N, C-alpha and C. Protein backbone atom coordinates (compact mmCIF):
# COMPACT_ATOMS: atom_id res chain seq x y z
N ALA A 1 18.41 111.92 95.11
CA ALA A 1 18.14 111.95 93.69
C ALA A 1 16.82 112.52 93.41
N GLY A 2 16.67 113.28 92.27
CA GLY A 2 15.42 113.79 91.94
C GLY A 2 14.62 112.80 91.06
N SER A 3 13.54 113.35 90.51
CA SER A 3 12.75 112.42 89.63
C SER A 3 13.47 111.96 88.35
N ALA A 4 13.30 110.67 88.17
CA ALA A 4 13.92 110.02 86.99
C ALA A 4 15.41 110.23 86.99
N SER A 5 16.07 110.40 88.06
CA SER A 5 17.55 110.51 88.08
C SER A 5 18.23 109.16 88.49
N HIS A 6 19.47 109.11 88.18
CA HIS A 6 20.22 107.89 88.34
C HIS A 6 21.61 108.09 88.98
N VAL A 7 22.04 107.47 90.01
CA VAL A 7 23.30 107.56 90.65
C VAL A 7 23.99 106.27 90.88
N GLU A 8 25.20 106.10 90.63
CA GLU A 8 25.91 104.82 90.79
C GLU A 8 27.34 105.11 91.13
N GLY A 9 28.03 104.16 91.78
CA GLY A 9 29.42 104.36 92.11
C GLY A 9 29.60 104.65 93.56
N GLN A 10 30.62 105.46 93.88
CA GLN A 10 31.02 105.83 95.28
C GLN A 10 30.90 107.27 95.52
N ASP A 11 30.19 107.64 96.67
CA ASP A 11 30.12 108.95 97.12
C ASP A 11 29.67 110.02 96.10
N ASN A 12 28.66 109.52 95.28
CA ASN A 12 28.15 110.49 94.26
C ASN A 12 26.82 111.14 94.79
N HIS A 13 26.58 112.33 94.29
CA HIS A 13 25.40 113.11 94.72
C HIS A 13 24.65 113.72 93.55
N VAL A 14 23.34 113.40 93.52
CA VAL A 14 22.48 113.98 92.38
C VAL A 14 21.34 114.75 93.07
N HIS A 15 21.27 116.06 92.67
CA HIS A 15 20.33 116.87 93.24
C HIS A 15 19.53 117.56 92.02
N GLY A 16 18.63 116.79 91.34
CA GLY A 16 17.90 117.31 90.27
C GLY A 16 17.13 116.30 89.57
N ASN A 17 16.26 116.66 88.68
CA ASN A 17 15.47 115.78 87.92
C ASN A 17 16.19 115.34 86.59
N TYR A 18 16.04 114.16 86.17
CA TYR A 18 16.50 113.58 84.93
C TYR A 18 18.02 113.71 84.84
N CYS A 19 18.63 113.53 86.01
CA CYS A 19 20.14 113.72 86.10
C CYS A 19 20.81 112.30 86.18
N HIS A 20 22.15 112.32 86.00
CA HIS A 20 22.93 111.07 86.04
C HIS A 20 24.29 111.42 86.63
N GLY A 21 24.64 110.70 87.79
CA GLY A 21 25.94 110.73 88.31
C GLY A 21 26.54 109.40 88.50
N GLU A 22 27.78 109.25 88.06
CA GLU A 22 28.34 108.00 88.14
C GLU A 22 29.92 108.14 88.36
N GLY A 23 30.61 107.11 88.93
CA GLY A 23 31.98 107.17 89.19
C GLY A 23 32.29 107.35 90.70
N LYS A 24 33.02 108.39 91.01
CA LYS A 24 33.49 108.63 92.39
C LYS A 24 33.40 110.09 92.72
N SER A 25 32.74 110.48 93.67
CA SER A 25 32.65 111.85 94.26
C SER A 25 32.22 112.87 93.18
N THR A 26 31.17 112.44 92.40
CA THR A 26 30.56 113.34 91.39
C THR A 26 29.41 114.16 92.04
N LYS A 27 29.07 115.25 91.44
CA LYS A 27 28.05 116.12 91.95
C LYS A 27 27.23 116.59 90.77
N VAL A 28 25.86 116.43 90.82
CA VAL A 28 25.00 116.84 89.78
C VAL A 28 23.95 117.73 90.33
N TYR A 29 23.75 118.96 89.74
CA TYR A 29 22.70 119.84 90.22
C TYR A 29 21.81 120.32 89.02
N GLY A 30 20.59 120.70 89.40
CA GLY A 30 19.71 121.18 88.35
C GLY A 30 18.99 120.13 87.62
N GLN A 31 18.84 120.32 86.29
CA GLN A 31 18.03 119.44 85.49
C GLN A 31 18.76 118.94 84.31
N SER A 32 18.55 117.57 84.05
CA SER A 32 19.10 116.90 82.85
C SER A 32 20.55 117.07 82.68
N ALA A 33 21.31 117.00 83.79
CA ALA A 33 22.80 117.13 83.88
C ALA A 33 23.40 115.72 84.02
N HIS A 34 24.73 115.61 83.66
CA HIS A 34 25.45 114.38 83.73
C HIS A 34 26.80 114.60 84.18
N ALA A 35 27.25 113.93 85.23
CA ALA A 35 28.69 113.94 85.76
C ALA A 35 29.11 112.59 85.87
N GLU A 36 30.32 112.35 85.29
CA GLU A 36 31.05 111.03 85.47
C GLU A 36 32.44 111.23 85.69
N GLY A 37 33.12 110.09 86.15
CA GLY A 37 34.55 110.19 86.40
C GLY A 37 34.82 110.32 87.86
N GLU A 38 35.80 111.19 88.23
CA GLU A 38 36.15 111.41 89.61
C GLU A 38 36.12 112.92 89.97
N SER A 39 35.39 113.29 91.03
CA SER A 39 35.33 114.64 91.51
C SER A 39 34.95 115.63 90.39
N THR A 40 33.88 115.21 89.63
CA THR A 40 33.33 116.11 88.56
C THR A 40 32.05 116.71 89.02
N GLU A 41 31.67 117.85 88.35
CA GLU A 41 30.48 118.47 88.80
C GLU A 41 29.75 119.07 87.60
N ALA A 42 28.51 118.77 87.49
CA ALA A 42 27.71 119.26 86.35
C ALA A 42 26.42 119.99 86.75
N HIS A 43 26.04 121.07 86.10
CA HIS A 43 24.84 121.76 86.43
C HIS A 43 23.78 121.73 85.30
N ASP A 44 22.79 122.46 85.31
CA ASP A 44 21.71 122.36 84.24
C ASP A 44 22.10 122.00 82.90
N PHE A 45 21.64 120.92 82.40
CA PHE A 45 21.85 120.50 80.96
C PHE A 45 23.32 120.40 80.61
N ALA A 46 24.19 120.33 81.53
CA ALA A 46 25.66 120.24 81.29
C ALA A 46 26.14 118.87 81.46
N HIS A 47 27.40 118.67 81.02
CA HIS A 47 28.10 117.37 81.06
C HIS A 47 29.56 117.56 81.54
N ALA A 48 29.88 116.87 82.62
CA ALA A 48 31.28 116.92 83.06
C ALA A 48 31.83 115.52 83.13
N GLU A 49 33.02 115.30 82.56
CA GLU A 49 33.56 114.00 82.62
C GLU A 49 35.12 114.17 82.84
N GLY A 50 35.82 112.97 83.25
CA GLY A 50 37.21 113.07 83.52
C GLY A 50 37.46 113.16 85.02
N ARG A 51 38.43 114.02 85.34
CA ARG A 51 38.80 114.19 86.81
C ARG A 51 38.82 115.70 87.16
N PHE A 52 38.20 116.04 88.18
CA PHE A 52 38.16 117.48 88.73
C PHE A 52 37.71 118.44 87.61
N THR A 53 36.77 118.13 86.94
CA THR A 53 36.11 118.98 86.00
C THR A 53 34.82 119.57 86.45
N ILE A 54 34.54 120.78 85.98
CA ILE A 54 33.25 121.48 86.35
C ILE A 54 32.52 122.09 85.18
N ALA A 55 31.39 121.55 84.96
CA ALA A 55 30.55 122.24 83.94
C ALA A 55 29.42 122.91 84.51
N SER A 56 29.62 124.24 84.82
CA SER A 56 28.53 124.93 85.57
C SER A 56 27.77 125.89 84.79
N GLY A 57 28.20 126.18 83.49
CA GLY A 57 27.35 126.92 82.61
C GLY A 57 26.30 126.11 81.99
N THR A 58 25.10 126.69 81.71
CA THR A 58 24.03 125.93 81.15
C THR A 58 24.49 125.40 79.76
N GLU A 59 24.13 124.08 79.64
CA GLU A 59 24.48 123.36 78.38
C GLU A 59 25.98 123.43 77.97
N SER A 60 26.78 123.45 79.05
CA SER A 60 28.27 123.39 78.81
C SER A 60 28.82 121.96 78.98
N HIS A 61 30.14 121.84 78.54
CA HIS A 61 30.77 120.62 78.50
C HIS A 61 32.15 120.77 79.05
N ALA A 62 32.53 119.99 80.12
CA ALA A 62 34.03 120.07 80.63
C ALA A 62 34.47 118.67 80.63
N GLU A 63 35.70 118.49 80.12
CA GLU A 63 36.30 117.15 80.02
C GLU A 63 37.78 117.26 80.26
N GLY A 64 38.38 116.11 80.57
CA GLY A 64 39.86 116.12 80.77
C GLY A 64 40.23 116.16 82.27
N ARG A 65 41.08 117.06 82.61
CA ARG A 65 41.45 117.19 84.05
C ARG A 65 41.62 118.68 84.48
N HIS A 66 41.04 118.96 85.54
CA HIS A 66 40.98 120.28 86.12
C HIS A 66 40.51 121.35 85.06
N THR A 67 39.49 121.03 84.30
CA THR A 67 38.95 121.93 83.35
C THR A 67 37.57 122.50 83.96
N THR A 68 37.25 123.73 83.45
CA THR A 68 36.00 124.41 83.92
C THR A 68 35.33 125.08 82.70
N ALA A 69 34.10 124.75 82.55
CA ALA A 69 33.20 125.33 81.46
C ALA A 69 32.20 126.11 82.30
N SER A 70 32.33 127.39 82.55
CA SER A 70 31.51 128.16 83.43
C SER A 70 30.48 129.08 82.82
N ALA A 71 30.48 129.19 81.49
CA ALA A 71 29.63 130.00 80.78
C ALA A 71 28.63 129.15 79.94
N ALA A 72 27.58 129.85 79.48
CA ALA A 72 26.62 129.13 78.78
C ALA A 72 27.10 128.59 77.41
N TYR A 73 26.91 127.38 77.15
CA TYR A 73 27.26 126.71 75.87
C TYR A 73 28.86 126.66 75.68
N SER A 74 29.51 126.73 76.77
CA SER A 74 30.97 126.67 76.64
C SER A 74 31.50 125.31 76.62
N HIS A 75 32.72 125.14 76.27
CA HIS A 75 33.38 123.76 76.26
C HIS A 75 34.84 123.91 76.63
N ALA A 76 35.23 123.21 77.60
CA ALA A 76 36.67 123.19 78.14
C ALA A 76 37.14 121.72 78.05
N GLU A 77 38.33 121.56 77.56
CA GLU A 77 38.91 120.20 77.42
C GLU A 77 40.48 120.33 77.61
N GLY A 78 41.02 119.15 77.93
CA GLY A 78 42.53 119.17 78.05
C GLY A 78 42.88 119.20 79.57
N GLU A 79 43.79 120.02 79.95
CA GLU A 79 44.23 120.10 81.42
C GLU A 79 44.30 121.60 81.79
N ASP A 80 43.74 121.92 82.88
CA ASP A 80 43.79 123.24 83.40
C ASP A 80 43.29 124.26 82.49
N THR A 81 42.19 123.99 81.78
CA THR A 81 41.68 125.02 80.78
C THR A 81 40.40 125.60 81.40
N THR A 82 40.16 126.77 80.93
CA THR A 82 38.88 127.50 81.41
C THR A 82 38.15 128.14 80.30
N ALA A 83 36.86 127.83 80.11
CA ALA A 83 35.94 128.38 79.12
C ALA A 83 35.03 129.24 79.84
N SER A 84 35.25 130.49 80.04
CA SER A 84 34.32 131.41 80.82
C SER A 84 33.57 132.31 80.00
N GLY A 85 33.71 132.37 78.70
CA GLY A 85 32.87 133.24 77.91
C GLY A 85 31.74 132.50 77.27
N ASP A 86 30.61 133.06 77.05
CA ASP A 86 29.52 132.32 76.51
C ASP A 86 29.94 131.87 75.07
N ASN A 87 29.58 130.57 74.78
CA ASN A 87 29.94 129.99 73.49
C ASN A 87 31.37 129.83 73.25
N SER A 88 32.16 129.85 74.28
CA SER A 88 33.71 129.83 74.17
C SER A 88 34.19 128.37 74.11
N HIS A 89 35.40 128.21 73.68
CA HIS A 89 36.11 126.89 73.73
C HIS A 89 37.53 127.06 74.11
N ALA A 90 37.88 126.35 75.12
CA ALA A 90 39.28 126.30 75.63
C ALA A 90 39.84 124.86 75.61
N GLU A 91 40.94 124.63 74.97
CA GLU A 91 41.50 123.30 74.83
C GLU A 91 43.04 123.36 75.08
N GLY A 92 43.67 122.22 75.17
CA GLY A 92 45.07 122.17 75.32
C GLY A 92 45.60 122.19 76.80
N ASP A 93 46.52 122.92 77.15
CA ASP A 93 47.09 122.94 78.52
C ASP A 93 47.12 124.45 79.10
N THR A 94 46.43 124.72 80.14
CA THR A 94 46.41 125.95 80.78
C THR A 94 46.04 127.11 79.80
N THR A 95 44.92 126.97 79.20
CA THR A 95 44.46 127.99 78.27
C THR A 95 43.14 128.57 78.81
N THR A 96 42.77 129.80 78.49
CA THR A 96 41.54 130.46 78.96
C THR A 96 40.87 131.14 77.79
N ALA A 97 39.60 130.88 77.66
CA ALA A 97 38.79 131.55 76.58
C ALA A 97 37.70 132.25 77.32
N SER A 98 37.88 133.58 77.57
CA SER A 98 36.94 134.42 78.40
C SER A 98 36.09 135.29 77.48
N GLY A 99 36.46 135.53 76.32
CA GLY A 99 35.67 136.32 75.41
C GLY A 99 34.49 135.60 74.88
N THR A 100 33.33 136.37 74.61
CA THR A 100 32.27 135.70 73.95
C THR A 100 32.68 135.02 72.61
N CYS A 101 32.34 133.80 72.46
CA CYS A 101 32.63 133.06 71.19
C CYS A 101 34.09 132.99 70.90
N SER A 102 34.92 133.05 71.85
CA SER A 102 36.37 133.07 71.71
C SER A 102 36.95 131.54 71.76
N HIS A 103 38.13 131.36 71.26
CA HIS A 103 38.70 130.10 71.15
C HIS A 103 40.17 130.14 71.53
N ALA A 104 40.55 129.40 72.55
CA ALA A 104 41.92 129.29 72.92
C ALA A 104 42.49 127.89 72.95
N GLU A 105 43.57 127.69 72.22
CA GLU A 105 44.12 126.35 72.16
C GLU A 105 45.75 126.40 72.30
N GLY A 106 46.32 125.37 72.48
CA GLY A 106 47.83 125.32 72.66
C GLY A 106 48.09 125.16 74.17
N ALA A 107 49.14 126.07 74.53
CA ALA A 107 49.52 126.01 75.95
C ALA A 107 49.71 127.39 76.46
N ASN A 108 49.21 127.68 77.64
CA ASN A 108 49.37 128.92 78.37
C ASN A 108 48.92 130.22 77.58
N ASN A 109 47.78 130.01 76.81
CA ASN A 109 47.29 131.01 75.91
C ASN A 109 45.95 131.58 76.55
N GLU A 110 45.64 132.88 76.15
CA GLU A 110 44.43 133.47 76.67
C GLU A 110 43.75 134.14 75.47
N ALA A 111 42.48 133.87 75.33
CA ALA A 111 41.65 134.53 74.21
C ALA A 111 40.69 135.42 75.09
N LEU A 112 41.00 136.69 75.24
CA LEU A 112 40.24 137.53 76.15
C LEU A 112 39.26 138.39 75.31
N GLY A 113 39.43 138.64 74.13
CA GLY A 113 38.54 139.42 73.32
C GLY A 113 37.35 138.68 72.77
N ASP A 114 36.23 139.32 72.58
CA ASP A 114 35.11 138.57 71.98
C ASP A 114 35.53 138.17 70.56
N TYR A 115 35.11 136.95 70.26
CA TYR A 115 35.37 136.34 68.93
C TYR A 115 36.80 136.20 68.53
N SER A 116 37.66 136.25 69.52
CA SER A 116 39.13 136.17 69.27
C SER A 116 39.62 134.68 69.23
N HIS A 117 40.79 134.55 68.67
CA HIS A 117 41.33 133.17 68.53
C HIS A 117 42.91 133.28 68.91
N VAL A 118 43.28 132.36 69.72
CA VAL A 118 44.80 132.35 70.12
C VAL A 118 45.19 130.88 70.03
N GLU A 119 46.41 130.74 69.48
CA GLU A 119 47.04 129.42 69.47
C GLU A 119 48.54 129.55 69.61
N GLY A 120 49.22 128.42 69.77
CA GLY A 120 50.69 128.55 70.09
C GLY A 120 51.03 128.34 71.49
N GLN A 121 51.96 129.12 71.97
CA GLN A 121 52.36 129.05 73.43
C GLN A 121 52.47 130.48 73.99
N GLY A 122 51.99 130.65 75.13
CA GLY A 122 52.23 131.87 75.90
C GLY A 122 51.63 133.12 75.22
N ASN A 123 50.64 133.13 74.45
CA ASN A 123 50.11 134.17 73.73
C ASN A 123 48.89 134.80 74.32
N GLU A 124 48.62 136.05 73.89
CA GLU A 124 47.38 136.75 74.42
C GLU A 124 46.63 137.36 73.20
N ALA A 125 45.36 137.08 73.07
CA ALA A 125 44.55 137.80 72.13
C ALA A 125 43.52 138.60 72.99
N ASN A 126 43.76 139.84 73.12
CA ASN A 126 43.00 140.61 74.17
C ASN A 126 42.05 141.63 73.56
N THR A 127 41.78 141.61 72.26
CA THR A 127 40.80 142.45 71.63
C THR A 127 39.86 141.73 70.69
N SER A 128 38.75 142.21 70.51
CA SER A 128 37.73 141.57 69.76
C SER A 128 38.16 141.25 68.24
N TYR A 129 37.76 140.07 67.85
CA TYR A 129 38.14 139.64 66.45
C TYR A 129 39.54 139.45 66.15
N GLN A 130 40.43 139.40 67.15
CA GLN A 130 41.95 139.28 67.01
C GLN A 130 42.37 137.78 66.91
N HIS A 131 43.34 137.57 66.03
CA HIS A 131 43.93 136.31 65.93
C HIS A 131 45.44 136.43 66.35
N VAL A 132 45.88 135.48 67.21
CA VAL A 132 47.24 135.49 67.64
C VAL A 132 47.83 134.05 67.49
N GLN A 133 49.02 133.97 66.97
CA GLN A 133 49.74 132.60 66.97
C GLN A 133 51.17 132.81 67.10
N GLY A 134 51.92 131.77 67.15
CA GLY A 134 53.34 131.76 67.48
C GLY A 134 53.66 131.53 68.97
N LYS A 135 54.52 132.33 69.59
CA LYS A 135 54.79 132.21 70.93
C LYS A 135 55.23 133.54 71.53
N TYR A 136 54.69 133.77 72.75
CA TYR A 136 55.01 134.84 73.60
C TYR A 136 54.93 136.15 72.86
N ASN A 137 53.75 136.54 72.34
CA ASN A 137 53.56 137.68 71.71
C ASN A 137 53.50 138.89 72.50
N VAL A 138 53.71 140.15 71.92
CA VAL A 138 53.36 141.34 72.61
C VAL A 138 51.93 141.73 72.33
N ALA A 139 51.09 141.77 73.40
CA ALA A 139 49.66 142.16 73.11
C ALA A 139 49.54 143.60 72.61
N ASP A 140 48.63 143.76 71.69
CA ASP A 140 48.49 144.98 71.05
C ASP A 140 47.09 145.05 70.51
N ASP A 141 46.20 146.02 71.19
CA ASP A 141 44.71 146.18 70.87
C ASP A 141 44.53 146.67 69.54
N THR A 142 45.52 147.33 68.85
CA THR A 142 45.29 147.97 67.61
C THR A 142 45.48 146.96 66.45
N MET A 143 45.93 145.71 66.69
CA MET A 143 46.19 144.77 65.66
C MET A 143 45.14 143.72 65.61
N GLN A 144 44.74 143.37 64.36
CA GLN A 144 43.89 142.27 64.08
C GLN A 144 44.48 140.87 64.08
N MET A 145 45.77 140.88 63.62
CA MET A 145 46.52 139.62 63.62
C MET A 145 47.99 139.79 64.08
N ILE A 146 48.44 138.85 64.91
CA ILE A 146 49.80 139.00 65.45
C ILE A 146 50.44 137.65 65.47
N ILE A 147 51.67 137.58 64.97
CA ILE A 147 52.51 136.36 65.19
C ILE A 147 53.63 136.77 66.06
N GLY A 148 53.64 136.05 67.25
CA GLY A 148 54.66 136.35 68.28
C GLY A 148 55.76 135.38 68.12
N TYR A 149 57.02 135.82 68.54
CA TYR A 149 58.12 134.95 68.47
C TYR A 149 59.05 135.39 69.54
N GLY A 150 58.51 135.40 70.86
CA GLY A 150 59.27 135.73 71.99
C GLY A 150 60.02 134.52 72.56
N THR A 151 60.55 134.57 73.76
CA THR A 151 61.23 133.38 74.33
C THR A 151 60.96 133.34 75.80
N ASN A 152 61.12 132.04 76.26
CA ASN A 152 60.94 131.79 77.69
C ASN A 152 62.17 131.04 78.06
N VAL A 153 63.13 131.68 78.73
CA VAL A 153 64.43 131.08 79.16
C VAL A 153 64.55 131.09 80.67
N SER A 154 64.53 129.91 81.22
CA SER A 154 64.57 129.77 82.65
C SER A 154 63.52 130.52 83.39
N SER A 155 62.18 130.49 82.82
CA SER A 155 61.05 131.18 83.33
C SER A 155 61.08 132.69 83.17
N THR A 156 62.05 133.22 82.36
CA THR A 156 62.12 134.62 82.13
C THR A 156 61.55 134.84 80.72
N ILE A 157 60.38 135.44 80.63
CA ILE A 157 59.78 135.60 79.34
C ILE A 157 60.10 136.99 78.73
N THR A 158 60.54 136.87 77.47
CA THR A 158 60.73 138.09 76.68
C THR A 158 59.89 138.08 75.52
N ARG A 159 58.92 139.08 75.42
CA ARG A 159 57.89 139.03 74.40
C ARG A 159 58.32 139.88 73.14
N LYS A 160 58.06 139.30 71.96
CA LYS A 160 58.35 139.90 70.72
C LYS A 160 57.33 139.61 69.75
N ASN A 161 57.19 140.41 68.62
CA ASN A 161 56.39 140.06 67.58
C ASN A 161 57.28 140.06 66.29
N ILE A 162 56.84 139.21 65.36
CA ILE A 162 57.50 139.18 63.99
C ILE A 162 56.62 139.51 62.87
N PHE A 163 55.33 139.63 63.10
CA PHE A 163 54.42 139.87 62.10
C PHE A 163 53.08 140.53 62.65
N THR A 164 52.56 141.64 62.17
CA THR A 164 51.38 142.16 62.60
C THR A 164 50.65 142.70 61.43
N VAL A 165 49.24 142.72 61.56
CA VAL A 165 48.35 143.29 60.65
C VAL A 165 47.37 144.20 61.39
N ASP A 166 47.37 145.50 61.11
CA ASP A 166 46.44 146.35 61.95
C ASP A 166 45.09 146.39 61.31
N LYS A 167 44.16 147.20 61.87
CA LYS A 167 42.77 147.25 61.57
C LYS A 167 42.46 147.90 60.17
N THR A 168 43.41 148.54 59.59
CA THR A 168 43.33 149.12 58.36
C THR A 168 43.96 148.26 57.28
N GLY A 169 44.66 147.08 57.65
CA GLY A 169 45.33 146.25 56.64
C GLY A 169 46.82 146.56 56.51
N ASN A 170 47.37 147.41 57.28
CA ASN A 170 48.82 147.71 57.22
C ASN A 170 49.62 146.49 57.90
N ILE A 171 50.66 146.12 57.14
CA ILE A 171 51.48 144.92 57.62
C ILE A 171 52.85 145.42 58.13
N GLN A 172 53.23 144.80 59.17
CA GLN A 172 54.62 144.97 59.63
C GLN A 172 55.25 143.70 59.85
N CYS A 173 56.41 143.45 59.45
CA CYS A 173 57.10 142.21 59.74
C CYS A 173 58.70 142.48 59.97
N GLY A 174 59.25 141.57 60.56
CA GLY A 174 60.68 141.70 61.05
C GLY A 174 60.83 141.28 62.50
N GLN A 175 61.41 142.18 63.24
CA GLN A 175 61.57 141.90 64.69
C GLN A 175 61.13 143.12 65.51
N SER A 176 60.18 142.96 66.42
CA SER A 176 59.74 144.03 67.26
C SER A 176 60.64 143.97 68.51
N ASP A 177 60.61 145.17 69.28
CA ASP A 177 61.20 145.20 70.54
C ASP A 177 60.12 144.68 71.54
N THR A 178 60.44 144.71 72.82
CA THR A 178 59.59 144.04 73.79
C THR A 178 58.20 144.86 74.07
N SER A 179 58.23 146.11 73.46
CA SER A 179 56.97 146.82 73.61
C SER A 179 56.09 146.69 72.41
N GLY A 180 56.63 145.89 71.36
CA GLY A 180 55.86 145.77 70.08
C GLY A 180 56.19 146.61 68.93
N VAL A 181 57.26 147.57 69.15
CA VAL A 181 57.67 148.49 68.14
C VAL A 181 58.65 147.77 67.31
N PHE A 182 58.37 147.78 65.97
CA PHE A 182 59.40 147.15 65.08
C PHE A 182 60.59 147.97 64.89
N THR A 183 61.80 147.38 64.90
CA THR A 183 63.00 148.13 64.77
C THR A 183 63.77 147.46 63.57
N GLY A 184 64.64 148.26 62.94
CA GLY A 184 65.46 147.82 61.78
C GLY A 184 64.50 147.72 60.59
N HIS A 185 64.83 146.86 59.68
CA HIS A 185 64.09 146.60 58.46
C HIS A 185 62.75 145.85 58.75
N TYR A 186 61.86 145.90 57.84
CA TYR A 186 60.60 145.19 58.00
C TYR A 186 60.68 143.81 57.26
N GLY A 187 61.82 143.47 56.78
CA GLY A 187 61.91 142.18 56.20
C GLY A 187 61.53 142.15 54.76
N THR A 188 61.39 140.97 54.18
CA THR A 188 61.13 140.83 52.79
C THR A 188 60.00 139.82 52.60
N VAL A 189 59.18 139.93 51.49
CA VAL A 189 58.17 138.99 51.13
C VAL A 189 58.48 138.58 49.69
N ASN A 190 58.74 137.25 49.48
CA ASN A 190 59.10 136.84 48.22
C ASN A 190 60.35 137.49 47.61
N GLY A 191 61.26 137.88 48.42
CA GLY A 191 62.47 138.51 48.00
C GLY A 191 62.35 140.02 47.88
N VAL A 192 61.12 140.62 48.10
CA VAL A 192 60.95 142.07 47.90
C VAL A 192 61.09 142.73 49.23
N ASP A 193 61.98 143.78 49.25
CA ASP A 193 62.25 144.55 50.42
C ASP A 193 61.05 145.51 50.70
N LEU A 194 60.41 145.32 51.88
CA LEU A 194 59.17 146.03 52.07
C LEU A 194 59.40 147.40 52.25
N VAL A 195 60.50 147.88 52.95
CA VAL A 195 60.83 149.22 53.05
C VAL A 195 61.08 149.93 51.74
N GLN A 196 61.81 149.32 50.84
CA GLN A 196 62.08 149.90 49.52
C GLN A 196 60.72 149.92 48.73
N LEU A 197 59.90 148.88 48.85
CA LEU A 197 58.60 148.89 48.20
C LEU A 197 57.69 150.10 48.68
N ALA A 198 57.67 150.32 49.98
CA ALA A 198 56.88 151.44 50.46
C ALA A 198 57.41 152.79 50.00
N ALA A 199 58.77 152.90 49.92
CA ALA A 199 59.37 154.12 49.40
C ALA A 199 58.90 154.33 47.93
N ASP A 200 59.06 153.30 47.08
CA ASP A 200 58.66 153.35 45.73
C ASP A 200 57.19 153.67 45.48
N VAL A 201 56.30 153.14 46.34
CA VAL A 201 54.91 153.50 46.25
C VAL A 201 54.71 154.86 46.58
N ALA A 202 55.35 155.40 47.61
CA ALA A 202 55.23 156.78 48.07
C ALA A 202 55.65 157.75 46.89
N ALA A 203 56.76 157.35 46.25
CA ALA A 203 57.29 158.14 45.18
C ALA A 203 56.28 158.20 44.03
N ILE A 204 55.65 157.13 43.65
CA ILE A 204 54.76 157.04 42.60
C ILE A 204 53.45 157.86 42.96
N LYS A 205 53.03 157.78 44.14
CA LYS A 205 51.84 158.57 44.63
C LYS A 205 52.20 159.99 44.56
N ALA A 206 53.35 160.46 44.90
CA ALA A 206 53.80 161.88 44.88
C ALA A 206 53.91 162.31 43.42
N HIS A 207 54.36 161.49 42.51
CA HIS A 207 54.49 161.87 41.11
C HIS A 207 52.98 162.06 40.55
N LEU A 208 52.07 161.19 40.93
CA LEU A 208 50.70 161.27 40.42
C LEU A 208 49.88 162.26 41.13
N GLY A 209 50.42 162.86 42.21
CA GLY A 209 49.64 163.81 42.94
C GLY A 209 48.57 163.23 43.77
N ILE A 210 48.70 162.07 44.25
CA ILE A 210 47.63 161.37 45.09
C ILE A 210 48.23 161.04 46.46
């Protein structure tokens, strides 16, 4: 143990100053770090707790079971989550937040883009500033918002979207195919047929010469 450090419990190791390790098989490295629980590991100014968690990014926090906070100021919680982008947050079950300032929650979701947010199940937000919700979406870098509504039947995933907003504000809703292309009608909003509405707007613009 280093200067002003403290270790207690069974098979714990502290290698740094002002550190604290307690529980069973914990490891602490660097300065002012804290690891507790079982088989946890904390590095500089970080905190790891629970079981099999690793807080290796500076000033990061990992809690729960099999979670990893590997980037600076990141936070991983739940089970099998990874926060690998700076200032990122991963929570839930088997989620990954790898984009800078990204947030992944729910189950089996990935926030890959910087400042992106994903929730629900089996979704991917893979471009910057993108928000994805629902389940099993079709990833599309041209969209800012996606609602997925795919399926997972006997471990066979079929990805679909039911709502998208692109980077210029255009909206599509209805049912997409597995490549993300919407087929058939675009659905209705408050009883208004969007296809008919688009046709009416086009006719008005043509009449006005705009």
